């Protein structure tokens, strides 16, 4: 950045542009937040998301994992105020 460029400020910075990072970024932007989504890869979905088929699944191998998925589904359906 040179001295003539103005520094940009963001309300939210999301690290990772996989399925979760991209979803959080989109949701926050739709609510009017200024969002910067960063990813080390060449584009969205190249990290762990690409290895997991970019799906959100409700079935996990632990009780805690299942409980978190269940609660997350509620927020996904009703909208989470961030």
PDB file of N, CA and C in Angstrom:
ATOM      1  N   UNK A   1       0.852  -1.167   0.000  1.00  0.00           N
ATOM      2  CA  UNK A   1       0.000   0.000   0.000  1.00  0.00           C
ATOM      3  C   UNK A   1       0.898   1.231   0.000  1.00  0.00           C
ATOM      4  N   UNK A   2       0.626   2.157  -0.891  1.00  0.00           N
ATOM      5  CA  UNK A   2       1.408   3.389  -0.890  1.00  0.00           C
ATOM      6  C   UNK A   2       0.716   4.450  -0.039  1.00  0.00           C
ATOM      7  N   UNK A   3       1.372   5.583   0.136  1.00  0.00           N
ATOM      8  CA  UNK A   3       0.841   6.622   1.024  1.00  0.00           C
ATOM      9  C   UNK A   3      -0.427   7.287   0.495  1.00  0.00           C
ATOM     10  N   UNK A   4      -0.762   7.111  -0.775  1.00  0.00           N
ATOM     11  CA  UNK A   4      -1.974   7.696  -1.347  1.00  0.00           C
ATOM     12  C   UNK A   4      -3.213   6.828  -1.164  1.00  0.00           C
ATOM     13  N   UNK A   5      -3.019   5.585  -0.782  1.00  0.00           N
ATOM     14  CA  UNK A   5      -4.154   4.680  -0.613  1.00  0.00           C
ATOM     15  C   UNK A   5      -4.726   4.813   0.794  1.00  0.00           C
ATOM     16  N   UNK A   6      -6.034   4.837   0.865  1.00  0.00           N
ATOM     17  CA  UNK A   6      -6.714   4.910   2.154  1.00  0.00           C
ATOM     18  C   UNK A   6      -6.844   3.504   2.732  1.00  0.00           C
ATOM     19  N   UNK A   7      -6.582   3.373   4.014  1.00  0.00           N
ATOM     20  CA  UNK A   7      -6.733   2.075   4.668  1.00  0.00           C
ATOM     21  C   UNK A   7      -8.212   1.739   4.781  1.00  0.00           C
ATOM     22  N   UNK A   8      -8.560   0.512   4.466  1.00  0.00           N
ATOM     23  CA  UNK A   8      -9.945   0.047   4.541  1.00  0.00           C
ATOM     24  C   UNK A   8     -10.166  -0.628   5.882  1.00  0.00           C
ATOM     25  N   UNK A   9     -11.273  -0.336   6.510  1.00  0.00           N
ATOM     26  CA  UNK A   9     -11.640  -0.980   7.772  1.00  0.00           C
ATOM     27  C   UNK A   9     -12.823  -1.898   7.523  1.00  0.00           C
ATOM     28  N   UNK A  10     -12.824  -3.011   8.219  1.00  0.00           N
ATOM     29  CA  UNK A  10     -13.895  -3.996   8.091  1.00  0.00           C
ATOM     30  C   UNK A  10     -14.519  -4.251   9.455  1.00  0.00           C
ATOM     31  N   UNK A  11     -15.817  -4.496   9.459  1.00  0.00           N
ATOM     32  CA  UNK A  11     -16.494  -4.888  10.694  1.00  0.00           C
ATOM     33  C   UNK A  11     -16.112  -6.310  11.079  1.00  0.00           C
ATOM     34  N   UNK A  12     -15.992  -7.170  10.073  1.00  0.00           N
ATOM     35  CA  UNK A  12     -15.726  -8.594  10.303  1.00  0.00           C
ATOM     36  C   UNK A  12     -14.686  -9.070   9.296  1.00  0.00           C
ATOM     37  N   UNK A  13     -13.697  -9.815   9.790  1.00  0.00           N
ATOM     38  CA  UNK A  13     -12.726 -10.475   8.918  1.00  0.00           C
ATOM     39  C   UNK A  13     -12.860 -11.970   9.156  1.00  0.00           C
ATOM     40  N   UNK A  14     -13.131 -12.707   8.088  1.00  0.00           N
ATOM     41  CA  UNK A  14     -13.310 -14.159   8.166  1.00  0.00           C
ATOM     42  C   UNK A  14     -12.082 -14.814   7.545  1.00  0.00           C
ATOM     43  N   UNK A  15     -11.470 -15.727   8.284  1.00  0.00           N
ATOM     44  CA  UNK A  15     -10.309 -16.456   7.789  1.00  0.00           C
ATOM     45  C   UNK A  15     -10.785 -17.816   7.288  1.00  0.00           C
ATOM     46  N   UNK A  16     -10.662 -18.038   5.998  1.00  0.00           N
ATOM     47  CA  UNK A  16     -11.093 -19.292   5.380  1.00  0.00           C
ATOM     48  C   UNK A  16     -12.349 -19.092   4.554  1.00  0.00           C
ATOM     49  N   UNK A  17     -12.275 -19.449   3.279  1.00  0.00           N
ATOM     50  CA  UNK A  17     -13.406 -19.265   2.366  1.00  0.00           C
ATOM     51  C   UNK A  17     -14.018 -20.596   1.955  1.00  0.00           C
ATOM     52  N   UNK A  18     -14.016 -21.545   2.880  1.00  0.00           N
ATOM     53  CA  UNK A  18     -14.692 -22.810   2.627  1.00  0.00           C
ATOM     54  C   UNK A  18     -16.189 -22.632   2.819  1.00  0.00           C
ATOM     55  N   UNK A  19     -16.903 -23.717   2.978  1.00  0.00           N
ATOM     56  CA  UNK A  19     -18.362 -23.657   3.095  1.00  0.00           C
ATOM     57  C   UNK A  19     -18.799 -22.824   4.303  1.00  0.00           C
ATOM     58  N   UNK A  20     -18.117 -22.965   5.418  1.00  0.00           N
ATOM     59  CA  UNK A  20     -18.500 -22.213   6.617  1.00  0.00           C
ATOM     60  C   UNK A  20     -18.078 -20.753   6.507  1.00  0.00           C
ATOM     61  N   UNK A  21     -16.829 -20.497   6.142  1.00  0.00           N
ATOM     62  CA  UNK A  21     -16.352 -19.121   6.020  1.00  0.00           C
ATOM     63  C   UNK A  21     -17.129 -18.319   4.993  1.00  0.00           C
ATOM     64  N   UNK A  22     -17.407 -18.924   3.855  1.00  0.00           N
ATOM     65  CA  UNK A  22     -18.177 -18.238   2.818  1.00  0.00           C
ATOM     66  C   UNK A  22     -19.609 -17.974   3.279  1.00  0.00           C
ATOM     67  N   UNK A  23     -20.195 -18.927   3.989  1.00  0.00           N
ATOM     68  CA  UNK A  23     -21.567 -18.759   4.489  1.00  0.00           C
ATOM     69  C   UNK A  23     -21.642 -17.659   5.534  1.00  0.00           C
ATOM     70  N   UNK A  24     -20.685 -17.642   6.451  1.00  0.00           N
ATOM     71  CA  UNK A  24     -20.645 -16.596   7.481  1.00  0.00           C
ATOM     72  C   UNK A  24     -20.446 -15.232   6.823  1.00  0.00           C
ATOM     73  N   UNK A  25     -19.544 -15.163   5.858  1.00  0.00           N
ATOM     74  CA  UNK A  25     -19.281 -13.901   5.162  1.00  0.00           C
ATOM     75  C   UNK A  25     -20.524 -13.385   4.448  1.00  0.00           C
ATOM     76  N   UNK A  26     -21.208 -14.255   3.749  1.00  0.00           N
ATOM     77  CA  UNK A  26     -22.425 -13.869   3.033  1.00  0.00           C
ATOM     78  C   UNK A  26     -23.507 -13.402   3.999  1.00  0.00           C
ATOM     79  N   UNK A  27     -23.703 -14.144   5.067  1.00  0.00           N
ATOM     80  CA  UNK A  27     -24.728 -13.787   6.050  1.00  0.00           C
ATOM     81  C   UNK A  27     -24.441 -12.421   6.670  1.00  0.00           C
ATOM     82  N   UNK A  28     -23.197 -12.196   7.046  1.00  0.00           N
ATOM     83  CA  UNK A  28     -22.830 -10.915   7.658  1.00  0.00           C
ATOM     84  C   UNK A  28     -22.983  -9.769   6.663  1.00  0.00           C
ATOM     85  N   UNK A  29     -22.579  -9.982   5.416  1.00  0.00           N
ATOM     86  CA  UNK A  29     -22.710  -8.940   4.395  1.00  0.00           C
ATOM     87  C   UNK A  29     -24.179  -8.606   4.138  1.00  0.00           C
ATOM     88  N   UNK A  30     -25.029  -9.616   4.124  1.00  0.00           N
ATOM     89  CA  UNK A  30     -26.468  -9.380   3.925  1.00  0.00           C
ATOM     90  C   UNK A  30     -27.077  -8.585   5.070  1.00  0.00           C
ATOM     91  N   UNK A  31     -26.463  -8.665   6.245  1.00  0.00           N
ATOM     92  CA  UNK A  31     -26.952  -7.907   7.399  1.00  0.00           C
ATOM     93  C   UNK A  31     -26.349  -6.504   7.450  1.00  0.00           C
ATOM     94  N   UNK A  32     -25.542  -6.165   6.444  1.00  0.00           N
ATOM     95  CA  UNK A  32     -25.004  -4.814   6.352  1.00  0.00           C
ATOM     96  C   UNK A  32     -23.602  -4.620   6.895  1.00  0.00           C
ATOM     97  N   UNK A  33     -22.955  -5.688   7.333  1.00  0.00           N
ATOM     98  CA  UNK A  33     -21.592  -5.573   7.838  1.00  0.00           C
ATOM     99  C   UNK A  33     -20.608  -5.479   6.675  1.00  0.00           C
ATOM    100  N   UNK A  34     -19.527  -4.759   6.895  1.00  0.00           N
ATOM    101  CA  UNK A  34     -18.429  -4.712   5.942  1.00  0.00           C
ATOM    102  C   UNK A  34     -17.549  -5.925   6.229  1.00  0.00           C
ATOM    103  N   UNK A  35     -17.401  -6.826   5.248  1.00  0.00           N
ATOM    104  CA  UNK A  35     -16.757  -8.121   5.478  1.00  0.00           C
ATOM    105  C   UNK A  35     -15.571  -8.322   4.541  1.00  0.00           C
ATOM    106  N   UNK A  36     -14.491  -8.854   5.095  1.00  0.00           N
ATOM    107  CA  UNK A  36     -13.351  -9.298   4.302  1.00  0.00           C
ATOM    108  C   UNK A  36     -13.175 -10.781   4.580  1.00  0.00           C
ATOM    109  N   UNK A  37     -13.231 -11.596   3.540  1.00  0.00           N
ATOM    110  CA  UNK A  37     -13.051 -13.042   3.668  1.00  0.00           C
ATOM    111  C   UNK A  37     -11.723 -13.406   3.009  1.00  0.00           C
ATOM    112  N   UNK A  38     -10.805 -13.974   3.793  1.00  0.00           N
ATOM    113  CA  UNK A  38      -9.469 -14.319   3.310  1.00  0.00           C
ATOM    114  C   UNK A  38      -9.285 -15.824   3.252  1.00  0.00           C
ATOM    115  N   UNK A  39      -8.555 -16.273   2.245  1.00  0.00           N
ATOM    116  CA  UNK A  39      -8.233 -17.693   2.150  1.00  0.00           C
ATOM    117  C   UNK A  39      -6.862 -17.831   1.507  1.00  0.00           C
ATOM    118  N   UNK A  40      -6.073 -18.782   1.987  1.00  0.00           N
ATOM    119  CA  UNK A  40      -4.733 -19.004   1.452  1.00  0.00           C
ATOM    120  C   UNK A  40      -4.762 -19.694   0.096  1.00  0.00           C
ATOM    121  N   UNK A  41      -5.856 -20.347  -0.221  1.00  0.00           N
ATOM    122  CA  UNK A  41      -5.971 -21.082  -1.480  1.00  0.00           C
ATOM    123  C   UNK A  41      -6.252 -20.175  -2.658  1.00  0.00           C
ATOM    124  N   UNK A  42      -6.281 -20.748  -3.855  1.00  0.00           N
ATOM    125  CA  UNK A  42      -6.526 -19.958  -5.067  1.00  0.00           C
ATOM    126  C   UNK A  42      -7.979 -19.505  -5.229  1.00  0.00           C
ATOM    127  N   UNK A  43      -8.873 -20.048  -4.438  1.00  0.00           N
ATOM    128  CA  UNK A  43     -10.281 -19.678  -4.517  1.00  0.00           C
ATOM    129  C   UNK A  43     -11.049 -20.352  -3.401  1.00  0.00           C
ATOM    130  N   UNK A  44     -12.317 -20.096  -3.344  1.00  0.00           N
ATOM    131  CA  UNK A  44     -13.148 -20.674  -2.282  1.00  0.00           C
ATOM    132  C   UNK A  44     -13.251 -22.184  -2.435  1.00  0.00           C
ATOM    133  N   UNK A  45     -13.225 -22.887  -1.307  1.00  0.00           N
ATOM    134  CA  UNK A  45     -13.472 -24.322  -1.307  1.00  0.00           C
ATOM    135  C   UNK A  45     -12.306 -25.207  -1.692  1.00  0.00           C
ATOM    136  N   UNK A  46     -11.072 -24.720  -1.590  1.00  0.00           N
ATOM    137  CA  UNK A  46      -9.920 -25.535  -1.957  1.00  0.00           C
ATOM    138  C   UNK A  46      -9.283 -26.245  -0.765  1.00  0.00           C
ATOM    139  N   UNK A  47      -9.631 -25.884   0.459  1.00  0.00           N
ATOM    140  CA  UNK A  47      -9.015 -26.483   1.638  1.00  0.00           C
ATOM    141  C   UNK A  47      -9.758 -27.718   2.098  1.00  0.00           C
ATOM    142  N   UNK A  48     -10.081 -27.749   3.382  1.00  0.00           N
ATOM    143  CA  UNK A  48     -10.758 -28.927   3.931  1.00  0.00           C
ATOM    144  C   UNK A  48     -12.149 -29.116   3.341  1.00  0.00           C
ATOM    145  N   UNK A  49     -12.784 -28.038   2.890  1.00  0.00           N
ATOM    146  CA  UNK A  49     -14.100 -28.166   2.272  1.00  0.00           C
ATOM    147  C   UNK A  49     -14.047 -29.077   1.047  1.00  0.00           C
ATOM    148  N   UNK A  50     -13.003 -28.951   0.245  1.00  0.00           N
ATOM    149  CA  UNK A  50     -12.920 -29.785  -0.962  1.00  0.00           C
ATOM    150  C   UNK A  50     -12.759 -31.259  -0.607  1.00  0.00           C
ATOM    151  N   UNK A  51     -12.104 -31.545   0.510  1.00  0.00           N
ATOM    152  CA  UNK A  51     -11.929 -32.928   0.939  1.00  0.00           C
ATOM    153  C   UNK A  51     -13.166 -33.524   1.581  1.00  0.00           C
ATOM    154  N   UNK A  52     -14.086 -32.673   1.997  1.00  0.00           N
ATOM    155  CA  UNK A  52     -15.294 -33.166   2.670  1.00  0.00           C
ATOM    156  C   UNK A  52     -16.527 -33.083   1.779  1.00  0.00           C
ATOM    157  N   UNK A  53     -16.349 -32.797   0.529  1.00  0.00           N
ATOM    158  CA  UNK A  53     -17.439 -32.665  -0.450  1.00  0.00           C
ATOM    159  C   UNK A  53     -18.314 -31.442  -0.203  1.00  0.00           C
ATOM    160  N   UNK A  54     -17.845 -30.508   0.625  1.00  0.00           N
ATOM    161  CA  UNK A  54     -18.546 -29.245   0.879  1.00  0.00           C
ATOM    162  C   UNK A  54     -19.979 -29.455   1.353  1.00  0.00           C
ATOM    163  N   UNK A  55     -20.158 -30.381   2.254  1.00  0.00           N
ATOM    164  CA  UNK A  55     -21.498 -30.644   2.776  1.00  0.00           C
ATOM    165  C   UNK A  55     -21.568 -30.312   4.255  1.00  0.00           C
ATOM    166  N   UNK A  56     -22.736 -30.035   4.716  1.00  0.00           N
ATOM    167  CA  UNK A  56     -22.990 -29.885   6.143  1.00  0.00           C
ATOM    168  C   UNK A  56     -23.830 -31.079   6.539  1.00  0.00           C
ATOM    169  N   UNK A  57     -23.343 -31.864   7.463  1.00  0.00           N
ATOM    170  CA  UNK A  57     -24.019 -33.119   7.796  1.00  0.00           C
ATOM    171  C   UNK A  57     -24.514 -33.112   9.237  1.00  0.00           C
ATOM    172  N   UNK A  58     -25.627 -33.746   9.509  1.00  0.00           N
ATOM    173  CA  UNK A  58     -26.165 -33.774  10.870  1.00  0.00           C
ATOM    174  C   UNK A  58     -25.709 -34.967  11.700  1.00  0.00           C
ATOM    175  N   UNK A  59     -24.955 -35.891  11.125  1.00  0.00           N
ATOM    176  CA  UNK A  59     -24.585 -37.109  11.842  1.00  0.00           C
ATOM    177  C   UNK A  59     -23.100 -37.111  12.164  1.00  0.00           C
ATOM    178  N   UNK A  60     -22.774 -37.249  13.429  1.00  0.00           N
ATOM    179  CA  UNK A  60     -21.391 -37.228  13.891  1.00  0.00           C
ATOM    180  C   UNK A  60     -21.147 -38.437  14.778  1.00  0.00           C
ATOM    181  N   UNK A  61     -19.875 -38.732  15.015  1.00  0.00           N
ATOM    182  CA  UNK A  61     -19.531 -39.942  15.766  1.00  0.00           C
ATOM    183  C   UNK A  61     -19.566 -39.754  17.275  1.00  0.00           C
ATOM    184  N   UNK A  62     -19.733 -38.529  17.751  1.00  0.00           N
ATOM    185  CA  UNK A  62     -19.798 -38.300  19.198  1.00  0.00           C
ATOM    186  C   UNK A  62     -21.116 -37.623  19.560  1.00  0.00           C
ATOM    187  N   UNK A  63     -21.502 -37.772  20.796  1.00  0.00           N
ATOM    188  CA  UNK A  63     -22.728 -37.121  21.282  1.00  0.00           C
ATOM    189  C   UNK A  63     -22.574 -35.607  21.210  1.00  0.00           C
ATOM    190  N   UNK A  64     -21.407 -35.090  21.606  1.00  0.00           N
ATOM    191  CA  UNK A  64     -21.181 -33.641  21.560  1.00  0.00           C
ATOM    192  C   UNK A  64     -21.262 -33.105  20.131  1.00  0.00           C
ATOM    193  N   UNK A  65     -20.662 -33.823  19.192  1.00  0.00           N
ATOM    194  CA  UNK A  65     -20.719 -33.400  17.792  1.00  0.00           C
ATOM    195  C   UNK A  65     -22.141 -33.369  17.266  1.00  0.00           C
ATOM    196  N   UNK A  66     -22.928 -34.363  17.635  1.00  0.00           N
ATOM    197  CA  UNK A  66     -24.332 -34.407  17.216  1.00  0.00           C
ATOM    198  C   UNK A  66     -25.126 -33.264  17.833  1.00  0.00           C
ATOM    199  N   UNK A  67     -24.858 -32.952  19.107  1.00  0.00           N
ATOM    200  CA  UNK A  67     -25.568 -31.864  19.786  1.00  0.00           C
ATOM    201  C   UNK A  67     -25.256 -30.519  19.130  1.00  0.00           C
ATOM    202  N   UNK A  68     -23.992 -30.297  18.801  1.00  0.00           N
ATOM    203  CA  UNK A  68     -23.609 -29.048  18.143  1.00  0.00           C
ATOM    204  C   UNK A  68     -24.276 -28.940  16.772  1.00  0.00           C
ATOM    205  N   UNK A  69     -24.300 -30.033  16.025  1.00  0.00           N
ATOM    206  CA  UNK A  69     -24.945 -30.025  14.709  1.00  0.00           C
ATOM    207  C   UNK A  69     -26.437 -29.726  14.836  1.00  0.00           C
ATOM    208  N   UNK A  70     -27.083 -30.308  15.832  1.00  0.00           N
ATOM    209  CA  UNK A  70     -28.513 -30.091  16.047  1.00  0.00           C
ATOM    210  C   UNK A  70     -28.787 -28.616  16.351  1.00  0.00           C
ATOM    211  N   UNK A  71     -28.015 -28.034  17.271  1.00  0.00           N
ATOM    212  CA  UNK A  71     -28.198 -26.626  17.628  1.00  0.00           C
ATOM    213  C   UNK A  71     -27.879 -25.718  16.441  1.00  0.00           C
ATOM    214  N   UNK A  72     -26.850 -26.045  15.684  1.00  0.00           N
ATOM    215  CA  UNK A  72     -26.472 -25.241  14.522  1.00  0.00           C
ATOM    216  C   UNK A  72     -27.579 -25.231  13.478  1.00  0.00           C
ATOM    217  N   UNK A  73     -28.237 -26.359  13.310  1.00  0.00           N
ATOM    218  CA  UNK A  73     -29.333 -26.444  12.342  1.00  0.00           C
ATOM    219  C   UNK A  73     -30.453 -25.481  12.717  1.00  0.00           C
ATOM    220  N   UNK A  74     -30.746 -25.359  14.002  1.00  0.00           N
ATOM    221  CA  UNK A  74     -31.767 -24.415  14.465  1.00  0.00           C
ATOM    222  C   UNK A  74     -31.401 -22.989  14.042  1.00  0.00           C
ATOM    223  N   UNK A  75     -30.146 -22.590  14.305  1.00  0.00           N
ATOM    224  CA  UNK A  75     -29.724 -21.239  13.945  1.00  0.00           C
ATOM    225  C   UNK A  75     -29.719 -21.038  12.432  1.00  0.00           C
ATOM    226  N   UNK A  76     -29.375 -22.072  11.690  1.00  0.00           N
ATOM    227  CA  UNK A  76     -29.376 -21.986  10.232  1.00  0.00           C
ATOM    228  C   UNK A  76     -30.803 -21.775   9.721  1.00  0.00           C
ATOM    229  N   UNK A  77     -31.773 -22.482  10.298  1.00  0.00           N
ATOM    230  CA  UNK A  77     -33.169 -22.372   9.862  1.00  0.00           C
ATOM    231  C   UNK A  77     -33.807 -21.047  10.281  1.00  0.00           C
ATOM    232  N   UNK A  78     -33.479 -20.558  11.469  1.00  0.00           N
ATOM    233  CA  UNK A  78     -34.152 -19.374  12.002  1.00  0.00           C
ATOM    234  C   UNK A  78     -33.374 -18.090  11.778  1.00  0.00           C
ATOM    235  N   UNK A  79     -32.111 -18.194  11.473  1.00  0.00           N
ATOM    236  CA  UNK A  79     -31.270 -17.003  11.298  1.00  0.00           C
ATOM    237  C   UNK A  79     -30.602 -16.637  12.604  1.00  0.00           C
ATOM    238  N   UNK A  80     -29.327 -16.403  12.525  1.00  0.00           N
ATOM    239  CA  UNK A  80     -28.541 -16.068  13.709  1.00  0.00           C
ATOM    240  C   UNK A  80     -28.211 -14.590  13.657  1.00  0.00           C
ATOM    241  N   UNK A  81     -28.574 -13.856  14.672  1.00  0.00           N
ATOM    242  CA  UNK A  81     -28.254 -12.430  14.728  1.00  0.00           C
ATOM    243  C   UNK A  81     -26.814 -12.267  15.180  1.00  0.00           C
ATOM    244  N   UNK A  82     -25.963 -11.850  14.244  1.00  0.00           N
ATOM    245  CA  UNK A  82     -24.561 -11.651  14.604  1.00  0.00           C
ATOM    246  C   UNK A  82     -24.253 -10.190  14.766  1.00  0.00           C
TER     247      UNK A  82
END
